[in-house]
Protein backbone atom coordinates (compact mmCIF):
# COMPACT_ATOMS: atom_id res chain seq x y z
CA MET A 1 -11.46 -17.73 -13.62
CA ARG A 2 -8.22 -16.10 -14.94
CA ASN A 3 -7.99 -13.82 -17.93
CA ASN A 4 -5.19 -13.51 -20.35
CA VAL A 5 -2.04 -12.89 -18.31
CA ILE A 6 0.63 -10.62 -19.89
CA LEU A 7 4.33 -10.80 -19.07
CA ASP A 8 6.80 -7.89 -19.10
CA LYS A 9 10.27 -7.87 -20.46
CA LEU A 10 11.45 -9.94 -17.42
CA ASP A 11 8.60 -12.38 -17.54
CA ARG A 12 6.70 -10.91 -14.74
CA PRO A 13 2.85 -11.16 -14.97
CA LEU A 14 0.41 -8.30 -14.23
CA GLY A 15 -1.37 -9.43 -11.21
CA VAL A 16 -1.92 -6.46 -8.81
CA LEU A 17 -3.51 -3.07 -9.49
CA ARG A 18 -2.70 -0.45 -6.80
CA LEU A 19 -5.19 2.30 -7.55
CA SER A 20 -4.84 5.67 -5.64
CA LEU A 21 -8.20 7.39 -4.92
CA THR A 22 -6.75 10.71 -3.70
CA ALA A 23 -3.37 12.43 -3.24
CA ARG A 24 -4.58 14.15 -0.12
CA CYS A 25 -4.31 12.88 3.46
CA ASN A 26 -5.43 14.01 6.91
CA LEU A 27 -1.92 13.28 8.22
CA ALA A 28 1.57 14.29 6.92
CA CYS A 29 3.73 11.24 7.54
CA THR A 30 7.42 12.01 7.23
CA TYR A 31 8.01 9.15 4.77
CA CYS A 32 5.15 10.30 2.49
CA LEU A 33 4.42 14.02 2.73
CA PRO A 34 1.19 14.35 0.76
CA ASP A 35 -0.21 17.36 -0.96
CA SER A 36 -2.82 19.50 0.64
CA LEU A 37 -4.83 19.72 -2.69
CA GLU A 38 -5.84 17.21 -5.29
CA PRO A 39 -4.02 17.29 -8.59
CA PRO A 40 -5.98 18.50 -11.63
CA GLY A 41 -7.68 15.88 -13.72
CA LEU A 42 -8.78 13.66 -10.90
CA LEU A 43 -10.40 10.43 -12.27
CA SER A 44 -14.00 9.82 -11.84
CA THR A 45 -15.54 6.67 -10.38
CA THR A 46 -16.60 5.80 -13.93
CA ASN A 47 -13.05 6.35 -15.16
CA ARG A 48 -11.73 3.98 -12.44
CA VAL A 49 -14.15 1.25 -13.24
CA THR A 50 -13.14 1.31 -16.87
CA ILE A 51 -9.44 1.14 -15.85
CA ILE A 52 -10.08 -1.70 -13.42
CA THR A 53 -12.16 -3.71 -15.88
CA ALA A 54 -9.38 -3.48 -18.51
CA ALA A 55 -6.73 -4.46 -15.94
CA VAL A 56 -8.75 -7.54 -14.82
CA LYS A 57 -9.00 -8.61 -18.46
CA LEU A 58 -5.22 -8.49 -18.62
CA GLY A 59 -4.77 -10.73 -15.54
CA VAL A 60 -5.17 -8.54 -12.45
CA GLY A 61 -6.65 -10.50 -9.66
CA SER A 62 -6.01 -8.17 -6.69
CA LEU A 63 -7.19 -4.54 -6.47
CA LYS A 64 -5.59 -2.48 -3.75
CA LEU A 65 -7.29 0.85 -3.02
CA THR A 66 -4.89 3.48 -1.64
CA GLY A 67 -4.19 7.20 -1.40
CA GLY A 68 -3.21 9.54 0.10
CA GLU A 69 -6.00 8.58 2.52
CA PRO A 70 -8.55 6.62 0.55
CA LEU A 71 -11.28 7.15 3.10
CA LEU A 72 -11.37 10.86 2.15
CA ASN A 73 -12.97 9.65 -1.15
CA PRO A 74 -16.77 9.74 -0.59
CA GLU A 75 -17.33 7.40 -3.53
CA LEU A 76 -15.14 4.67 -2.14
CA GLU A 77 -18.02 2.25 -1.41
CA ALA A 78 -19.72 3.12 -4.67
CA LEU A 79 -16.47 2.02 -6.56
CA ILE A 80 -16.28 -1.23 -4.61
CA ARG A 81 -19.83 -2.05 -5.46
CA ALA A 82 -19.30 -1.06 -9.08
CA VAL A 83 -16.57 -3.52 -9.66
CA LYS A 84 -18.26 -6.36 -7.81
CA PRO A 85 -19.32 -8.00 -11.17
CA LEU A 86 -15.65 -8.40 -11.99
CA ARG A 87 -15.51 -11.13 -9.31
CA GLN A 88 -16.88 -13.34 -12.06
CA LYS A 89 -14.16 -12.40 -14.50
CA GLY A 90 -10.97 -12.89 -12.42
CA LEU A 91 -10.98 -10.28 -9.66
CA GLU A 92 -10.21 -12.28 -6.48
CA GLU A 93 -9.83 -9.56 -3.80
CA ILE A 94 -10.40 -5.94 -3.06
CA THR A 95 -8.20 -4.46 -0.31
CA LEU A 96 -7.76 -1.01 1.29
CA THR A 97 -4.81 0.67 2.98
CA THR A 98 -5.70 3.48 5.47
CA ASN A 99 -4.36 5.32 8.46
CA GLY A 100 -7.54 4.45 10.21
CA VAL A 101 -8.25 7.92 11.56
CA LEU A 102 -11.58 7.98 9.56
CA LEU A 103 -12.55 4.43 9.98
CA THR A 104 -15.62 4.84 12.19
CA ALA A 105 -17.84 2.01 13.00
CA ASP A 106 -20.34 3.03 10.35
CA ARG A 107 -17.65 3.29 7.69
CA ALA A 108 -16.22 -0.06 8.51
CA LYS A 109 -19.75 -1.61 8.23
CA SER A 110 -20.39 0.16 4.91
CA LEU A 111 -17.06 -1.00 3.43
CA LYS A 112 -17.71 -4.58 4.39
CA ALA A 113 -21.28 -4.41 3.01
CA ALA A 114 -19.94 -2.96 -0.28
CA GLY A 115 -17.59 -5.95 -0.75
CA LEU A 116 -14.21 -4.95 0.71
CA ASP A 117 -12.12 -8.05 1.57
CA ARG A 118 -9.20 -6.75 3.60
CA ILE A 119 -7.94 -3.69 5.37
CA SER A 120 -4.37 -2.65 6.30
CA ILE A 121 -4.20 0.03 8.92
CA SER A 122 -0.95 2.09 9.27
CA LEU A 123 0.38 2.68 12.75
CA ASP A 124 3.99 3.82 13.30
CA GLY A 125 4.12 4.03 16.99
CA THR A 126 2.41 3.20 20.33
CA THR A 127 2.64 6.59 22.18
CA GLY A 128 1.26 10.01 21.38
CA ALA A 129 4.75 11.48 20.99
CA VAL A 130 5.98 8.94 18.50
CA VAL A 131 2.81 9.04 16.46
CA ALA A 132 2.94 12.84 16.40
CA LYS A 133 6.50 12.71 15.11
CA MET A 134 5.89 10.13 12.48
CA ALA A 135 2.52 11.58 11.30
CA GLY A 136 3.73 15.18 11.00
CA LEU A 137 1.61 16.41 13.88
CA LYS A 138 2.70 19.53 15.93
CA ALA A 139 1.78 18.37 19.48
CA GLU A 140 1.92 15.23 21.44
CA TYR A 141 -1.75 15.53 22.35
CA ALA A 142 -2.69 15.34 18.65
CA GLY A 143 -0.62 12.15 18.42
CA LYS A 144 -2.56 10.79 21.34
CA GLN A 145 -5.91 11.65 19.68
CA THR A 146 -4.72 10.02 16.46
CA LEU A 147 -3.61 6.91 18.32
CA GLU A 148 -6.99 6.68 20.07
CA LYS A 149 -8.73 6.88 16.77
CA VAL A 150 -6.55 4.15 15.22
CA PHE A 151 -7.13 1.86 18.18
CA ALA A 152 -10.87 2.47 17.74
CA ALA A 153 -10.58 1.79 13.92
CA ILE A 154 -8.93 -1.55 14.62
CA GLY A 155 -11.96 -2.49 16.91
CA ASN A 156 -14.38 -1.13 14.27
CA ALA A 157 -12.84 -3.24 11.62
CA GLN A 158 -12.82 -6.43 13.74
CA ALA A 159 -16.51 -5.78 14.74
CA SER A 160 -17.53 -5.39 11.14
CA GLY A 161 -16.14 -8.78 10.15
CA PHE A 162 -12.58 -8.06 9.02
CA ASP A 163 -11.08 -11.12 10.66
CA SER A 164 -7.46 -10.80 11.62
CA SER A 165 -7.15 -14.44 12.03
CA ASN A 166 -7.41 -15.03 8.21
CA GLY A 167 -5.41 -11.93 7.19
CA ALA A 168 -8.41 -9.61 6.51
CA LEU A 169 -6.95 -7.02 8.98
CA LYS A 170 -3.25 -6.13 9.40
CA LEU A 171 -1.15 -3.38 10.84
CA ASN A 172 1.55 -1.58 8.77
CA ALA A 173 4.41 0.21 10.44
CA VAL A 174 7.24 2.14 8.57
CA ILE A 175 10.40 1.95 10.75
CA LYS A 176 12.99 4.75 10.63
CA ARG A 177 16.21 4.83 12.65
CA ASN A 178 16.29 7.56 15.36
CA ALA A 179 12.53 8.21 14.78
CA ASN A 180 10.59 5.13 15.79
CA ASN A 181 12.85 2.18 15.76
CA ASP A 182 12.44 2.05 19.62
CA GLN A 183 8.86 1.04 18.93
CA LEU A 184 9.67 -2.36 17.44
CA LEU A 185 8.85 -4.37 20.55
CA PRO A 186 5.89 -2.13 21.68
CA LEU A 187 4.25 -2.55 18.18
CA ALA A 188 4.96 -6.27 18.15
CA GLN A 189 3.41 -6.61 21.53
CA LEU A 190 0.35 -4.51 20.50
CA ALA A 191 -0.17 -6.64 17.50
CA ARG A 192 0.15 -9.86 19.47
CA THR A 193 -2.29 -8.59 22.04
CA LEU A 194 -4.83 -7.64 19.38
CA GLY A 195 -4.23 -10.87 17.36
CA VAL A 196 -3.33 -8.86 14.23
CA GLU A 197 -0.36 -9.48 12.00
CA LEU A 198 2.14 -6.68 12.11
CA ARG A 199 3.90 -5.72 8.84
CA LEU A 200 7.18 -3.80 9.40
CA ILE A 201 8.27 -1.76 6.45
CA GLU A 202 11.77 -0.54 5.76
CA PHE A 203 11.99 3.18 5.11
CA MET A 204 12.00 3.58 1.27
CA ASP A 205 13.51 6.11 -1.04
CA VAL A 206 10.24 6.99 -2.83
CA GLY A 207 10.00 10.43 -4.34
CA ASN A 208 12.08 13.52 -3.36
CA ARG A 209 10.29 14.93 -0.38
CA ASN A 210 11.16 12.50 2.46
CA GLN A 211 14.86 13.24 2.71
CA TRP A 212 15.70 9.57 2.45
CA ASN A 213 19.12 8.31 3.34
CA SER A 214 20.42 4.84 3.91
CA ALA A 215 21.46 5.59 7.50
CA ALA A 216 17.78 5.99 8.44
CA VAL A 217 16.96 2.50 7.18
CA VAL A 218 16.55 -0.22 9.81
CA PRO A 219 17.29 -3.46 7.79
CA ALA A 220 14.85 -6.28 8.01
CA ALA A 221 17.55 -8.52 9.57
CA GLU A 222 18.10 -6.04 12.50
CA MET A 223 14.26 -5.76 13.12
CA LEU A 224 13.92 -9.44 13.13
CA ALA A 225 16.86 -10.05 15.49
CA GLU A 226 15.37 -7.63 18.03
CA ILE A 227 11.95 -9.26 18.04
CA LYS A 228 13.33 -12.70 18.05
CA ARG A 229 15.28 -11.95 21.25
CA GLU A 230 11.93 -11.34 22.93
CA TRP A 231 9.78 -13.90 21.17
CA PRO A 232 11.28 -16.86 19.22
CA LEU A 233 10.09 -17.13 15.63
CA GLU A 234 10.12 -19.66 12.76
CA PRO A 235 10.11 -18.55 9.24
CA LEU A 236 7.15 -18.92 6.82
CA GLY A 237 8.90 -17.53 3.90
CA ARG A 238 7.66 -15.11 1.17
CA ASN A 239 5.13 -16.20 -1.31
CA ARG A 240 5.90 -15.52 -4.94
CA HIS A 241 4.68 -11.98 -5.99
CA ASN A 242 4.08 -10.92 -2.33
CA THR A 243 6.08 -8.06 -0.86
CA ALA A 244 6.40 -9.44 2.72
CA SER A 245 8.42 -12.26 4.19
CA ARG A 246 6.59 -13.80 7.23
CA TRP A 247 7.34 -15.51 10.46
CA ARG A 248 5.25 -17.33 13.13
CA TYR A 249 5.70 -16.86 16.86
CA LEU A 250 6.61 -20.11 18.37
CA ASP A 251 4.47 -19.43 21.53
CA GLY A 252 1.27 -19.19 19.40
CA GLY A 253 1.18 -15.42 19.43
CA GLY A 254 0.37 -15.06 15.73
CA SER A 255 2.54 -13.96 12.88
CA LEU A 256 4.95 -11.19 11.88
CA ALA A 257 5.79 -9.83 8.42
CA ILE A 258 8.55 -7.60 7.09
CA VAL A 259 8.72 -5.73 3.79
CA ALA A 260 12.42 -5.45 3.00
CA SER A 261 12.50 -3.48 -0.21
CA ILE A 262 15.78 -1.90 0.63
CA SER A 263 17.85 -4.74 2.13
CA SER A 264 16.27 -7.78 0.34
CA PRO A 265 14.52 -6.50 -2.86
CA PHE A 266 11.96 -8.66 -4.63
CA CYS A 267 11.84 -7.02 -8.10
CA GLY A 268 12.26 -10.38 -9.72
CA ASP A 269 8.66 -11.26 -9.20
CA CYS A 270 6.94 -7.87 -8.69
CA ASN A 271 3.57 -7.94 -10.41
CA ARG A 272 2.12 -4.48 -9.46
CA LEU A 273 0.97 -1.70 -11.65
CA ARG A 274 0.26 1.57 -9.89
CA ILE A 275 -2.18 4.23 -11.08
CA THR A 276 -2.35 7.63 -9.37
CA ALA A 277 -5.55 9.55 -8.47
CA ASP A 278 -5.18 11.62 -11.62
CA GLY A 279 -4.73 8.64 -13.93
CA ILE A 280 -1.11 8.35 -14.41
CA ALA A 281 0.10 4.69 -14.55
CA TYR A 282 3.48 3.67 -13.24
CA LYS A 283 5.40 0.36 -13.48
CA CYS A 284 7.45 0.83 -10.36
CA LEU A 285 7.10 2.39 -6.96
CA PHE A 286 10.45 4.13 -7.42
CA ALA A 287 9.64 5.49 -10.97
CA THR A 288 10.54 8.98 -12.15
CA GLN A 289 7.60 11.30 -13.16
CA ARG A 290 8.56 10.93 -16.77
CA ASP A 291 8.13 7.18 -16.68
CA GLY A 292 4.30 7.58 -16.31
CA LEU A 293 1.56 7.04 -18.81
CA ASP A 294 -1.43 9.33 -18.63
CA LEU A 295 -4.40 7.04 -19.04
CA LYS A 296 -6.74 10.00 -19.36
CA LEU A 297 -5.64 10.30 -22.99
CA PHE A 298 -7.49 6.95 -23.51
CA LEU A 299 -10.53 7.89 -21.58
CA GLN A 300 -11.90 10.50 -23.98
CA SER A 301 -15.43 10.00 -25.30
CA SER A 302 -13.95 8.95 -28.70
CA CYS A 303 -12.13 6.03 -27.18
CA ASP A 304 -13.66 2.76 -25.99
CA ALA A 305 -12.67 0.29 -23.26
CA ALA A 306 -10.47 -1.59 -25.80
CA ALA A 307 -8.17 1.53 -25.99
CA ILE A 308 -7.47 1.46 -22.23
CA GLU A 309 -6.84 -2.23 -22.40
CA ASN A 310 -4.39 -1.88 -25.27
CA ALA A 311 -2.65 1.06 -23.57
CA ILE A 312 -2.11 -0.81 -20.22
CA SER A 313 -1.04 -3.95 -22.16
CA THR A 314 1.52 -2.19 -24.21
CA PHE A 315 2.83 -0.22 -21.19
CA TRP A 316 3.20 -3.53 -19.14
CA LEU A 317 4.78 -5.57 -22.05
CA ASN A 318 7.59 -2.93 -22.28
CA ARG A 319 8.26 -2.97 -18.45
CA LYS A 320 11.77 -3.78 -17.38
CA ASP A 321 11.88 -1.83 -14.03
CA GLN A 322 13.92 -3.28 -11.22
CA TYR A 323 15.01 -0.30 -9.29
CA SER A 324 15.46 -1.82 -5.85
CA GLU A 325 17.76 -4.46 -7.18
CA GLU A 326 19.82 -1.86 -9.03
CA ARG A 327 19.67 0.83 -6.28
CA HIS A 328 23.35 0.23 -5.39
CA LEU A 329 24.44 1.03 -8.98
CA ASN A 330 23.01 4.44 -9.26
CA ARG A 331 20.69 6.84 -7.50
CA ALA A 332 20.71 10.20 -9.18
CA THR A 333 19.58 12.99 -6.89
CA ASN A 334 18.51 15.42 -9.66
CA ILE A 335 15.74 13.36 -11.04
CA GLU A 336 12.04 14.19 -10.20
CA ARG A 337 10.59 11.01 -8.82
CA ALA A 338 6.92 10.24 -8.51
CA GLU A 339 5.87 10.86 -4.78
CA MET A 340 4.55 8.31 -2.44
CA ALA A 341 1.26 10.14 -1.87
CA TYR A 342 0.50 9.73 -5.60
CA LEU A 343 1.64 6.15 -5.94
CA GLY A 344 -0.06 4.77 -2.83
CA GLY A 345 2.89 2.88 -1.44
């Protein structure tokens, strides 16, 4: 069952809600650089259920729970259970993006039992040294410990029923030149061995903290060419509204995906609304802070659910963001952009 779908100024429907549950993280990845403290005005679980309900009424079918690190939120499972009734009203899937460090066997089981459909685990390297560098850790041994926990998390997810063969478990890797681009083949080999799809992500200019520059971007075509030299691939394409283009290994070794927001942007069919842990809605991953709408203004006791629905609808109907497709035209450096840790990637 689908609800009323609303279209923005460029005829893009609202279909995906990326909801951040925390701005904190137990890592400090160089492309994200989260805060150590939560922002004031953090949303409650009740607030989030109200927002999700409104979004589903407006056409959202996919709920993606993010952070920071969402497993730091002790009410994660409660939130998933609370929105379960929305399955009958158009909500088709609930997914989670995590660094995996806190994904113990018990946590994986509880998430599955609560109703989580898919998990994406971030892993930017296959050695302790690279993981330490990418995760902002001070010592190689800390990187090794993190790597061991992520390997365990993958096994915990698989054992709990998150089946990688149908896409319920994936690996995400952000690739930066002169940082971890030497990990392309090792990461691909790891994913092939585990039977998990690897999603390679171009280093993106989100926020102001990560010192982004175009020279650090490894374009999708370059990543693909390196992997194809080792394992021949055939294209599967990019489904409309999805962020990743996909390929299949010709030897039966599974599939590979690449998110090419820099070199091959897909703004034309982007259907994602992002809401931060403190309730600020953004229409674009590359938005400035002033572009946000504070939904807490509509969550006061004097307002009902219709107020939130109307606020989100009006916000989306006025959307015309297409930053990635216009990046080459202008990128002002003196504008305060919303940070990755708040937007949830």
